[in-house]
C-alpha atoms as a PDB file:
ATOM      1  CA  MET A   1     -62.297 -68.594 -37.691  1.00  0.00           C
ATOM      2  CA  GLY A   2     -65.474 -66.594 -37.616  1.00  0.00           C
ATOM      3  CA  ILE A   3     -66.620 -68.450 -34.518  1.00  0.00           C
ATOM      4  CA  ARG A   4     -63.389 -67.531 -32.669  1.00  0.00           C
ATOM      5  CA  THR A   5     -63.657 -63.919 -33.726  1.00  0.00           C
ATOM      6  CA  GLY A   6     -67.245 -63.798 -32.541  1.00  0.00           C
ATOM      7  CA  ALA A   7     -66.368 -65.289 -29.157  1.00  0.00           C
ATOM      8  CA  ALA A   8     -63.542 -62.829 -28.674  1.00  0.00           C
ATOM      9  CA  GLY A   9     -65.798 -59.965 -29.561  1.00  0.00           C
ATOM     10  CA  ALA A  10     -68.414 -61.175 -27.116  1.00  0.00           C
ATOM     11  CA  ALA A  11     -65.823 -61.356 -24.333  1.00  0.00           C
ATOM     12  CA  VAL A  12     -64.660 -57.834 -25.059  1.00  0.00           C
ATOM     13  CA  ALA A  13     -68.249 -56.631 -25.001  1.00  0.00           C
ATOM     14  CA  VAL A  14     -68.838 -58.276 -21.637  1.00  0.00           C
ATOM     15  CA  LEU A  15     -65.717 -56.615 -20.191  1.00  0.00           C
ATOM     16  CA  LEU A  16     -66.723 -53.216 -21.519  1.00  0.00           C
ATOM     17  CA  ALA A  17     -70.215 -53.631 -20.100  1.00  0.00           C
ATOM     18  CA  THR A  18     -68.791 -54.635 -16.721  1.00  0.00           C
ATOM     19  CA  ALA A  19     -66.445 -51.641 -16.692  1.00  0.00           C
ATOM     20  CA  ALA A  20     -69.286 -49.331 -17.649  1.00  0.00           C
ATOM     21  CA  ALA A  21     -71.461 -50.770 -14.902  1.00  0.00           C
ATOM     22  CA  ALA A  22     -68.664 -50.333 -12.368  1.00  0.00           C
ATOM     23  CA  GLN A  23     -68.160 -46.767 -13.505  1.00  0.00           C
ATOM     24  CA  GLN A  24     -71.875 -46.136 -13.223  1.00  0.00           C
ATOM     25  CA  TYR A  25     -71.833 -47.642  -9.713  1.00  0.00           C
ATOM     26  CA  ARG A  26     -69.013 -45.337  -8.611  1.00  0.00           C
ATOM     27  CA  ASP A  27     -70.759 -42.337 -10.149  1.00  0.00           C
ATOM     28  CA  ASN A  28     -73.816 -42.928  -8.011  1.00  0.00           C
ATOM     29  CA  MET A  29     -71.973 -43.655  -4.757  1.00  0.00           C
ATOM     30  CA  PRO A  30     -69.914 -41.418  -2.463  1.00  0.00           C
ATOM     31  CA  GLU A  31     -66.182 -41.856  -2.560  1.00  0.00           C
ATOM     32  CA  VAL A  32     -64.672 -44.330  -0.123  1.00  0.00           C
ATOM     33  CA  LEU A  33     -63.194 -42.438   2.827  1.00  0.00           C
ATOM     34  CA  ALA A  34     -59.742 -43.537   3.932  1.00  0.00           C
ATOM     35  CA  ALA A  35     -59.176 -43.781   7.680  1.00  0.00           C
ATOM     36  CA  PRO A  36     -57.151 -40.762   8.857  1.00  0.00           C
ATOM     37  CA  PRO A  37     -53.679 -41.456  10.245  1.00  0.00           C
ATOM     38  CA  ARG A  38     -53.592 -42.139  13.972  1.00  0.00           C
ATOM     39  CA  ALA A  39     -51.503 -39.057  14.691  1.00  0.00           C
ATOM     40  CA  ASN A  40     -54.071 -36.893  12.943  1.00  0.00           C
ATOM     41  CA  MET A  41     -56.895 -38.425  14.991  1.00  0.00           C
ATOM     42  CA  ALA A  42     -55.061 -37.621  18.231  1.00  0.00           C
ATOM     43  CA  ALA A  43     -54.361 -34.092  17.024  1.00  0.00           C
ATOM     44  CA  GLN A  44     -58.027 -33.621  16.119  1.00  0.00           C
ATOM     45  CA  ASN A  45     -59.138 -34.792  19.581  1.00  0.00           C
ATOM     46  CA  ASN A  46     -56.674 -32.435  21.267  1.00  0.00           C
ATOM     47  CA  ALA A  47     -57.798 -29.568  19.060  1.00  0.00           C
ATOM     48  CA  ALA A  48     -61.426 -30.255  19.971  1.00  0.00           C
ATOM     49  CA  THR A  49     -60.589 -30.207  23.697  1.00  0.00           C
ATOM     50  CA  THR A  50     -58.593 -26.985  23.321  1.00  0.00           C
ATOM     51  CA  SER A  51     -61.431 -25.324  21.426  1.00  0.00           C
ATOM     52  CA  ALA A  52     -64.044 -26.399  23.983  1.00  0.00           C
ATOM     53  CA  PHE A  53     -61.876 -25.185  26.857  1.00  0.00           C
ATOM     54  CA  ARG A  54     -61.177 -21.855  25.180  1.00  0.00           C
ATOM     55  CA  SER A  55     -64.916 -21.224  24.776  1.00  0.00           C
ATOM     56  CA  ALA A  56     -65.845 -22.310  28.322  1.00  0.00           C
ATOM     57  CA  TYR A  57     -62.914 -20.365  29.793  1.00  0.00           C
ATOM     58  CA  ALA A  58     -63.932 -17.197  27.966  1.00  0.00           C
ATOM     59  CA  ARG A  59     -67.499 -17.556  29.268  1.00  0.00           C
ATOM     60  CA  LYS A  60     -66.010 -17.568  32.789  1.00  0.00           C
ATOM     61  CA  LYS A  61     -64.208 -14.287  31.960  1.00  0.00           C
ATOM     62  CA  SER A  62     -60.763 -15.912  31.738  1.00  0.00           C
ATOM     63  CA  PRO A  63     -59.922 -16.395  35.447  1.00  0.00           C
ATOM     64  CA  ARG A  64     -56.247 -16.064  36.371  1.00  0.00           C
ATOM     65  CA  MET A  65     -54.703 -19.451  37.216  1.00  0.00           C
ATOM     66  CA  VAL A  66     -51.686 -19.849  39.501  1.00  0.00           C
ATOM     67  CA  ILE A  67     -49.903 -23.201  39.120  1.00  0.00           C
ATOM     68  CA  PHE A  68     -48.484 -24.957  42.193  1.00  0.00           C
ATOM     69  CA  TRP A  69     -46.244 -27.481  40.420  1.00  0.00           C
ATOM     70  CA  ASN A  70     -45.605 -30.369  42.833  1.00  0.00           C
ATOM     71  CA  ARG A  71     -46.400 -27.980  45.673  1.00  0.00           C
ATOM     72  CA  GLN A  72     -49.352 -27.827  48.077  1.00  0.00           C
ATOM     73  CA  LEU A  73     -51.103 -25.004  49.835  1.00  0.00           C
ATOM     74  CA  THR A  74     -50.503 -26.200  53.393  1.00  0.00           C
ATOM     75  CA  ASP A  75     -52.768 -25.615  56.387  1.00  0.00           C
ATOM     76  CA  SER A  76     -50.013 -23.766  58.292  1.00  0.00           C
ATOM     77  CA  LEU A  77     -51.452 -20.354  59.206  1.00  0.00           C
ATOM     78  CA  SER A  78     -48.157 -18.629  59.948  1.00  0.00           C
ATOM     79  CA  THR A  79     -44.436 -19.218  59.758  1.00  0.00           C
ATOM     80  CA  SER A  80     -42.722 -20.416  62.948  1.00  0.00           C
ATOM     81  CA  TYR A  81     -38.992 -20.185  63.517  1.00  0.00           C
ATOM     82  CA  GLU A  82     -36.386 -21.950  65.622  1.00  0.00           C
ATOM     83  CA  GLU A  83     -33.555 -19.902  67.112  1.00  0.00           C
ATOM     84  CA  TRP A  84     -30.098 -21.460  66.954  1.00  0.00           C
ATOM     85  CA  SER A  85     -26.534 -20.716  68.023  1.00  0.00           C
ATOM     86  CA  ARG A  86     -23.274 -22.314  66.940  1.00  0.00           C
ATOM     87  CA  PHE A  87     -20.039 -22.181  68.957  1.00  0.00           C
ATOM     88  CA  THR A  88     -16.995 -22.941  66.805  1.00  0.00           C
ATOM     89  CA  LEU A  89     -13.793 -24.090  68.495  1.00  0.00           C
ATOM     90  CA  THR A  90     -10.358 -23.052  67.343  1.00  0.00           C
ATOM     91  CA  ASP A  91      -9.613 -26.548  66.019  1.00  0.00           C
ATOM     92  CA  GLY A  92     -12.777 -26.605  63.884  1.00  0.00           C
ATOM     93  CA  ARG A  93     -14.977 -28.587  66.254  1.00  0.00           C
ATOM     94  CA  ALA A  94     -18.440 -27.114  66.871  1.00  0.00           C
ATOM     95  CA  VAL A  95     -20.958 -27.137  69.687  1.00  0.00           C
ATOM     96  CA  ASP A  96     -24.620 -26.555  68.688  1.00  0.00           C
ATOM     97  CA  LYS A  97     -27.074 -24.985  71.073  1.00  0.00           C
ATOM     98  CA  THR A  98     -30.732 -24.656  70.081  1.00  0.00           C
ATOM     99  CA  TYR A  99     -33.286 -22.450  71.883  1.00  0.00           C
ATOM    100  CA  TYR A 100     -36.915 -23.564  71.770  1.00  0.00           C
ATOM    101  CA  GLU A 101     -40.025 -21.439  72.147  1.00  0.00           C
ATOM    102  CA  ASP A 102     -40.761 -22.841  75.611  1.00  0.00           C
ATOM    103  CA  GLY A 103     -37.413 -21.556  76.892  1.00  0.00           C
ATOM    104  CA  SER A 104     -35.624 -24.904  76.997  1.00  0.00           C
ATOM    105  CA  THR A 105     -32.290 -25.518  75.279  1.00  0.00           C
ATOM    106  CA  ALA A 106     -30.458 -28.443  73.742  1.00  0.00           C
ATOM    107  CA  VAL A 107     -26.663 -28.602  73.654  1.00  0.00           C
ATOM    108  CA  ALA A 108     -24.525 -31.024  71.663  1.00  0.00           C
ATOM    109  CA  GLY A 109     -20.898 -31.389  72.812  1.00  0.00           C
ATOM    110  CA  ARG A 110     -19.231 -29.457  75.616  1.00  0.00           C
ATOM    111  CA  ALA A 111     -19.579 -25.730  76.178  1.00  0.00           C
ATOM    112  CA  VAL A 112     -16.413 -23.864  75.244  1.00  0.00           C
ATOM    113  CA  GLU A 113     -15.924 -20.147  74.840  1.00  0.00           C
ATOM    114  CA  ALA A 114     -15.217 -19.541  71.154  1.00  0.00           C
ATOM    115  CA  GLU A 115     -16.643 -17.879  68.052  1.00  0.00           C
ATOM    116  CA  LEU A 116     -20.440 -17.531  68.275  1.00  0.00           C
ATOM    117  CA  ARG A 117     -22.889 -17.403  65.376  1.00  0.00           C
ATOM    118  CA  SER A 118     -26.647 -17.323  65.804  1.00  0.00           C
ATOM    119  CA  GLY A 119     -29.764 -17.065  63.697  1.00  0.00           C
ATOM    120  CA  ARG A 120     -33.155 -18.596  63.146  1.00  0.00           C
ATOM    121  CA  THR A 121     -34.627 -21.131  60.715  1.00  0.00           C
ATOM    122  CA  ALA A 122     -38.203 -21.543  59.578  1.00  0.00           C
ATOM    123  CA  THR A 123     -39.630 -24.807  60.897  1.00  0.00           C
ATOM    124  CA  ALA A 124     -42.868 -24.919  58.879  1.00  0.00           C
ATOM    125  CA  ALA A 125     -42.839 -26.620  55.474  1.00  0.00           C
ATOM    126  CA  ASP A 126     -43.518 -24.273  52.572  1.00  0.00           C
ATOM    127  CA  GLY A 127     -45.566 -26.829  50.643  1.00  0.00           C
ATOM    128  CA  ALA A 128     -42.868 -28.066  48.279  1.00  0.00           C
ATOM    129  CA  ARG A 129     -42.950 -31.870  47.974  1.00  0.00           C
ATOM    130  CA  MET A 130     -39.773 -33.877  48.439  1.00  0.00           C
ATOM    131  CA  THR A 131     -40.575 -36.599  45.871  1.00  0.00           C
ATOM    132  CA  GLY A 132     -41.047 -36.031  42.181  1.00  0.00           C
ATOM    133  CA  LEU A 133     -39.510 -36.270  38.743  1.00  0.00           C
ATOM    134  CA  ALA A 134     -35.816 -35.608  38.284  1.00  0.00           C
ATOM    135  CA  GLU A 135     -35.214 -31.950  37.489  1.00  0.00           C
ATOM    136  CA  ARG A 136     -34.679 -32.305  33.727  1.00  0.00           C
ATOM    137  CA  ALA A 137     -37.744 -34.522  33.306  1.00  0.00           C
ATOM    138  CA  ASP A 138     -39.725 -32.262  35.630  1.00  0.00           C
ATOM    139  CA  TRP A 139     -38.962 -29.274  33.424  1.00  0.00           C
ATOM    140  CA  LYS A 140     -40.145 -31.199  30.366  1.00  0.00           C
ATOM    141  CA  ALA A 141     -43.383 -32.259  32.046  1.00  0.00           C
ATOM    142  CA  ALA A 142     -44.056 -28.701  33.222  1.00  0.00           C
ATOM    143  CA  GLN A 143     -43.318 -27.442  29.715  1.00  0.00           C
ATOM    144  CA  GLY A 144     -45.890 -29.799  28.202  1.00  0.00           C
ATOM    145  CA  PHE A 145     -48.462 -28.866  30.849  1.00  0.00           C
ATOM    146  CA  ASN A 146     -48.000 -25.096  30.581  1.00  0.00           C
ATOM    147  CA  ARG A 147     -47.813 -25.066  26.797  1.00  0.00           C
ATOM    148  CA  THR A 148     -51.083 -26.982  26.522  1.00  0.00           C
ATOM    149  CA  MET A 149     -52.860 -24.730  29.005  1.00  0.00           C
ATOM    150  CA  LEU A 150     -51.575 -21.619  27.226  1.00  0.00           C
ATOM    151  CA  ALA A 151     -52.758 -23.022  23.888  1.00  0.00           C
ATOM    152  CA  GLY A 152     -56.247 -23.122  25.414  1.00  0.00           C
ATOM    153  CA  GLY A 153     -56.008 -19.442  26.320  1.00  0.00           C
ATOM    154  CA  ALA A 154     -55.337 -19.918  30.047  1.00  0.00           C
ATOM    155  CA  ARG A 155     -53.905 -16.940  31.935  1.00  0.00           C
ATOM    156  CA  LEU A 156     -51.113 -18.503  34.002  1.00  0.00           C
ATOM    157  CA  ILE A 157     -49.766 -16.592  37.023  1.00  0.00           C
ATOM    158  CA  ASP A 158     -46.336 -17.248  38.556  1.00  0.00           C
ATOM    159  CA  ARG A 159     -46.439 -17.959  42.318  1.00  0.00           C
ATOM    160  CA  THR A 160     -42.988 -16.596  43.143  1.00  0.00           C
ATOM    161  CA  LEU A 161     -43.508 -13.343  41.295  1.00  0.00           C
ATOM    162  CA  ILE A 162     -46.850 -12.521  42.925  1.00  0.00           C
ATOM    163  CA  MET A 163     -45.430 -13.334  46.371  1.00  0.00           C
ATOM    164  CA  ARG A 164     -42.454 -11.049  45.824  1.00  0.00           C
ATOM    165  CA  SER A 165     -44.613  -8.201  44.532  1.00  0.00           C
ATOM    166  CA  THR A 166     -47.073  -8.637  47.424  1.00  0.00           C
ATOM    167  CA  ALA A 167     -44.240  -8.523  49.971  1.00  0.00           C
ATOM    168  CA  LEU A 168     -43.347  -5.029  48.737  1.00  0.00           C
ATOM    169  CA  GLY A 169     -46.656  -3.666  50.026  1.00  0.00           C
ATOM    170  CA  LYS A 170     -46.824  -1.512  53.145  1.00  0.00           C
ATOM    171  CA  GLY A 171     -47.695  -3.238  56.388  1.00  0.00           C
ATOM    172  CA  VAL A 172     -46.795  -6.712  55.069  1.00  0.00           C
ATOM    173  CA  ASP A 173     -44.932  -9.003  57.488  1.00  0.00           C
ATOM    174  CA  ARG A 174     -42.332 -10.419  55.126  1.00  0.00           C
ATOM    175  CA  SER A 175     -41.183 -12.957  57.710  1.00  0.00           C
ATOM    176  CA  ASP A 176     -44.587 -14.685  57.604  1.00  0.00           C
ATOM    177  CA  ALA A 177     -44.443 -16.609  54.314  1.00  0.00           C
ATOM    178  CA  GLN A 178     -47.908 -18.130  54.719  1.00  0.00           C
ATOM    179  CA  SER A 179     -49.575 -14.736  55.091  1.00  0.00           C
ATOM    180  CA  VAL A 180     -47.665 -13.297  52.141  1.00  0.00           C
ATOM    181  CA  GLU A 181     -48.574 -16.322  50.017  1.00  0.00           C
ATOM    182  CA  MET A 182     -52.286 -16.114  50.820  1.00  0.00           C
ATOM    183  CA  SER A 183     -52.381 -12.362  50.293  1.00  0.00           C
ATOM    184  CA  ALA A 184     -50.735 -12.851  46.913  1.00  0.00           C
ATOM    185  CA  LEU A 185     -53.226 -15.528  45.883  1.00  0.00           C
ATOM    186  CA  VAL A 186     -56.279 -13.538  46.931  1.00  0.00           C
ATOM    187  CA  GLY A 187     -55.041 -10.337  45.324  1.00  0.00           C
ATOM    188  CA  LYS A 188     -53.505 -11.573  42.085  1.00  0.00           C
ATOM    189  CA  ALA A 189     -55.139 -14.891  41.086  1.00  0.00           C
ATOM    190  CA  ASP A 190     -58.582 -16.472  40.800  1.00  0.00           C
ATOM    191  CA  LEU A 191     -57.934 -20.222  40.550  1.00  0.00           C
ATOM    192  CA  LEU A 192     -55.342 -22.380  42.299  1.00  0.00           C
ATOM    193  CA  VAL A 193     -54.116 -25.383  40.274  1.00  0.00           C
ATOM    194  CA  GLU A 194     -52.162 -27.869  42.412  1.00  0.00           C
ATOM    195  CA  VAL A 195     -50.263 -30.431  40.320  1.00  0.00           C
ATOM    196  CA  LEU A 196     -48.843 -33.150  42.576  1.00  0.00           C
ATOM    197  CA  GLN A 197     -46.695 -36.187  41.750  1.00  0.00           C
ATOM    198  CA  THR A 198     -46.485 -39.564  43.476  1.00  0.00           C
ATOM    199  CA  PRO A 199     -44.287 -42.548  42.489  1.00  0.00           C
ATOM    200  CA  ASP A 200     -45.945 -45.147  40.241  1.00  0.00           C
ATOM    201  CA  ASP A 201     -43.870 -47.911  38.651  1.00  0.00           C
ATOM    202  CA  GLY A 202     -46.666 -48.626  36.166  1.00  0.00           C
ATOM    203  CA  ALA A 203     -46.726 -45.104  34.724  1.00  0.00           C
ATOM    204  CA  PRO A 204     -44.614 -44.185  31.675  1.00  0.00           C
ATOM    205  CA  SER A 205     -42.969 -41.303  33.561  1.00  0.00           C
ATOM    206  CA  GLY A 206     -42.677 -43.293  36.794  1.00  0.00           C
ATOM    207  CA  TYR A 207     -45.236 -41.001  38.467  1.00  0.00           C
ATOM    208  CA  THR A 208     -48.980 -40.545  38.722  1.00  0.00           C
ATOM    209  CA  PHE A 209     -50.293 -36.983  38.808  1.00  0.00           C
ATOM    210  CA  ARG A 210     -53.108 -35.522  40.888  1.00  0.00           C
ATOM    211  CA  VAL A 211     -54.475 -32.107  39.965  1.00  0.00           C
ATOM    212  CA  ASP A 212     -56.933 -30.111  42.086  1.00  0.00           C
ATOM    213  CA  VAL A 213     -58.411 -26.884  40.734  1.00  0.00           C
ATOM    214  CA  LYS A 214     -59.880 -24.586  43.408  1.00  0.00           C
ATOM    215  CA  ASP A 215     -61.630 -21.242  43.412  1.00  0.00           C
ATOM    216  CA  ILE A 216     -59.424 -19.124  45.691  1.00  0.00           C
ATOM    217  CA  ARG A 217     -62.076 -16.777  47.052  1.00  0.00           C
ATOM    218  CA  SER A 218     -64.861 -19.275  47.677  1.00  0.00           C
ATOM    219  CA  GLY A 219     -62.701 -22.343  48.343  1.00  0.00           C
ATOM    220  CA  THR A 220     -64.831 -24.315  45.875  1.00  0.00           C
ATOM    221  CA  LEU A 221     -63.231 -27.443  44.412  1.00  0.00           C
ATOM    222  CA  LEU A 222     -63.832 -27.235  40.666  1.00  0.00           C
ATOM    223  CA  ALA A 223     -62.018 -30.323  39.437  1.00  0.00           C
ATOM    224  CA  THR A 224     -59.896 -33.264  40.577  1.00  0.00           C
ATOM    225  CA  VAL A 225     -57.900 -35.317  38.078  1.00  0.00           C
ATOM    226  CA  VAL A 226     -55.766 -38.370  38.909  1.00  0.00           C
ATOM    227  CA  THR A 227     -53.902 -39.670  35.865  1.00  0.00           C
ATOM    228  CA  GLN A 228     -50.729 -41.298  34.598  1.00  0.00           C
ATOM    229  CA  GLY A 229     -50.792 -38.860  31.690  1.00  0.00           C
ATOM    230  CA  ILE A 230     -50.995 -41.517  28.968  1.00  0.00           C
ATOM    231  CA  PRO A 231     -52.289 -40.127  25.662  1.00  0.00           C
ATOM    232  CA  PRO A 232     -55.223 -42.122  24.218  1.00  0.00           C
ATOM    233  CA  SER A 233     -54.419 -44.872  21.743  1.00  0.00           C
ATOM    234  CA  GLY A 234     -54.785 -43.984  18.092  1.00  0.00           C
ATOM    235  CA  GLY A 235     -55.976 -47.497  17.229  1.00  0.00           C
ATOM    236  CA  PRO A 236     -54.121 -50.654  16.165  1.00  0.00           C
ATOM    237  CA  GLY A 237     -50.645 -50.161  14.794  1.00  0.00           C
ATOM    238  CA  ARG A 238     -49.482 -50.990  11.284  1.00  0.00           C
ATOM    239  CA  TRP A 239     -48.561 -54.488  10.205  1.00  0.00           C
ATOM    240  CA  VAL A 240     -44.766 -54.739  10.150  1.00  0.00           C
ATOM    241  CA  ALA A 241     -42.382 -57.587   9.471  1.00  0.00           C
ATOM    242  CA  GLY A 242     -41.127 -59.352  12.580  1.00  0.00           C
ATOM    243  CA  PRO A 243     -39.004 -62.412  13.403  1.00  0.00           C
ATOM    244  CA  ASN A 244     -42.115 -64.606  13.360  1.00  0.00           C
ATOM    245  CA  GLY A 245     -43.853 -63.001  10.411  1.00  0.00           C
ATOM    246  CA  TYR A 246     -46.018 -59.909  10.243  1.00  0.00           C
ATOM    247  CA  GLN A 247     -47.199 -58.429  13.521  1.00  0.00           C
ATOM    248  CA  ARG A 248     -48.783 -55.247  14.808  1.00  0.00           C
ATOM    249  CA  GLU A 249     -46.395 -52.353  15.356  1.00  0.00           C
ATOM    250  CA  ARG A 250     -46.078 -51.486  19.019  1.00  0.00           C
ATOM    251  CA  PRO A 251     -46.707 -47.805  19.841  1.00  0.00           C
ATOM    252  CA  LEU A 252     -43.803 -45.875  21.315  1.00  0.00           C
ATOM    253  CA  PRO A 253     -44.195 -44.843  24.978  1.00  0.00           C
ATOM    254  CA  PRO A 254     -45.079 -41.175  25.421  1.00  0.00           C
ATOM    255  CA  THR A 255     -42.309 -38.696  26.179  1.00  0.00           C
ATOM    256  CA  VAL A 256     -42.403 -36.867  29.497  1.00  0.00           C
ATOM    257  CA  ASP A 257     -43.492 -33.607  27.854  1.00  0.00           C
ATOM    258  CA  GLN A 258     -46.339 -35.520  26.160  1.00  0.00           C
ATOM    259  CA  VAL A 259     -47.289 -36.820  29.617  1.00  0.00           C
ATOM    260  CA  GLY A 260     -47.412 -33.250  30.945  1.00  0.00           C
ATOM    261  CA  ALA A 261     -49.484 -32.179  27.955  1.00  0.00           C
ATOM    262  CA  ARG A 262     -51.917 -35.038  28.528  1.00  0.00           C
ATOM    263  CA  VAL A 263     -52.326 -34.084  32.194  1.00  0.00           C
ATOM    264  CA  ALA A 264     -53.242 -30.558  31.103  1.00  0.00           C
ATOM    265  CA  THR A 265     -55.683 -31.898  28.508  1.00  0.00           C
ATOM    266  CA  GLU A 266     -57.508 -33.950  31.147  1.00  0.00           C
ATOM    267  CA  VAL A 267     -57.639 -30.907  33.446  1.00  0.00           C
ATOM    268  CA  MET A 268     -59.196 -28.846  30.648  1.00  0.00           C
ATOM    269  CA  GLN A 269     -61.745 -31.602  29.993  1.00  0.00           C
ATOM    270  CA  ALA A 270     -62.682 -31.710  33.687  1.00  0.00           C
ATOM    271  CA  LEU A 271     -63.135 -27.925  33.829  1.00  0.00           C
ATOM    272  CA  VAL A 272     -65.234 -27.905  30.661  1.00  0.00           C
ATOM    273  CA  ALA A 273     -67.478 -30.566  32.214  1.00  0.00           C
ATOM    274  CA  ASN A 274     -67.799 -28.501  35.404  1.00  0.00           C
ATOM    275  CA  TRP A 275     -68.454 -25.219  33.608  1.00  0.00           C
ATOM    276  CA  GLY A 276     -70.918 -26.771  31.166  1.00  0.00           C
END
């Protein structure tokens, strides 16, 4: 009986000594750091980019940025127009007659005296691209882009508004859209940011984006970014139960506003690299 009691006491002593040693080990070592959640890691990276951009942007005296969303600054120097006339017959049929700058004409149908309407149409493209995201998705992508740039302190200038206000000036030829546009850019903005879209079946939004940032006065190209707008991976997903046992959780595809936000983040990173 005494032997059993002694053995039990020895076992308890060993356990207490082990626990004390473990406690002493933990007292002398830093606490184990748990890996931060993936969402937090992504948020921290975005916050770091925003902070770096805000500092670099302020050092450049916060230049005004006009966004050309899926629109290009074309090389057309002035707006050209085509004169047209339409003859409408009493039974609703119409005869079109177009006058060209060289004096020639083109007539469709037979000439009949009837109601005449005439006018002119601009023939030069205004830079708007015909392909791009559907309107609702386009709004979401633009929202993500603008919101991210604004979070970094960017001063965003609206193209339409500065063109309209410039056209009110004295001596401005309002019929020449290219001249009005360039006058507005030179007078009311510092940087031109062209955000273009092209179809891409492999991209989550169905489009790849190209962004060029240019200094308006000097014509200097400051940054070019070509991206699908995919946010960086936060690491391997959690283990979840599947039909064949446990497997890694697949990340959800980014939403279109997250794509727009990622495009803006990459633009800010490119500008920070350029500005040092």
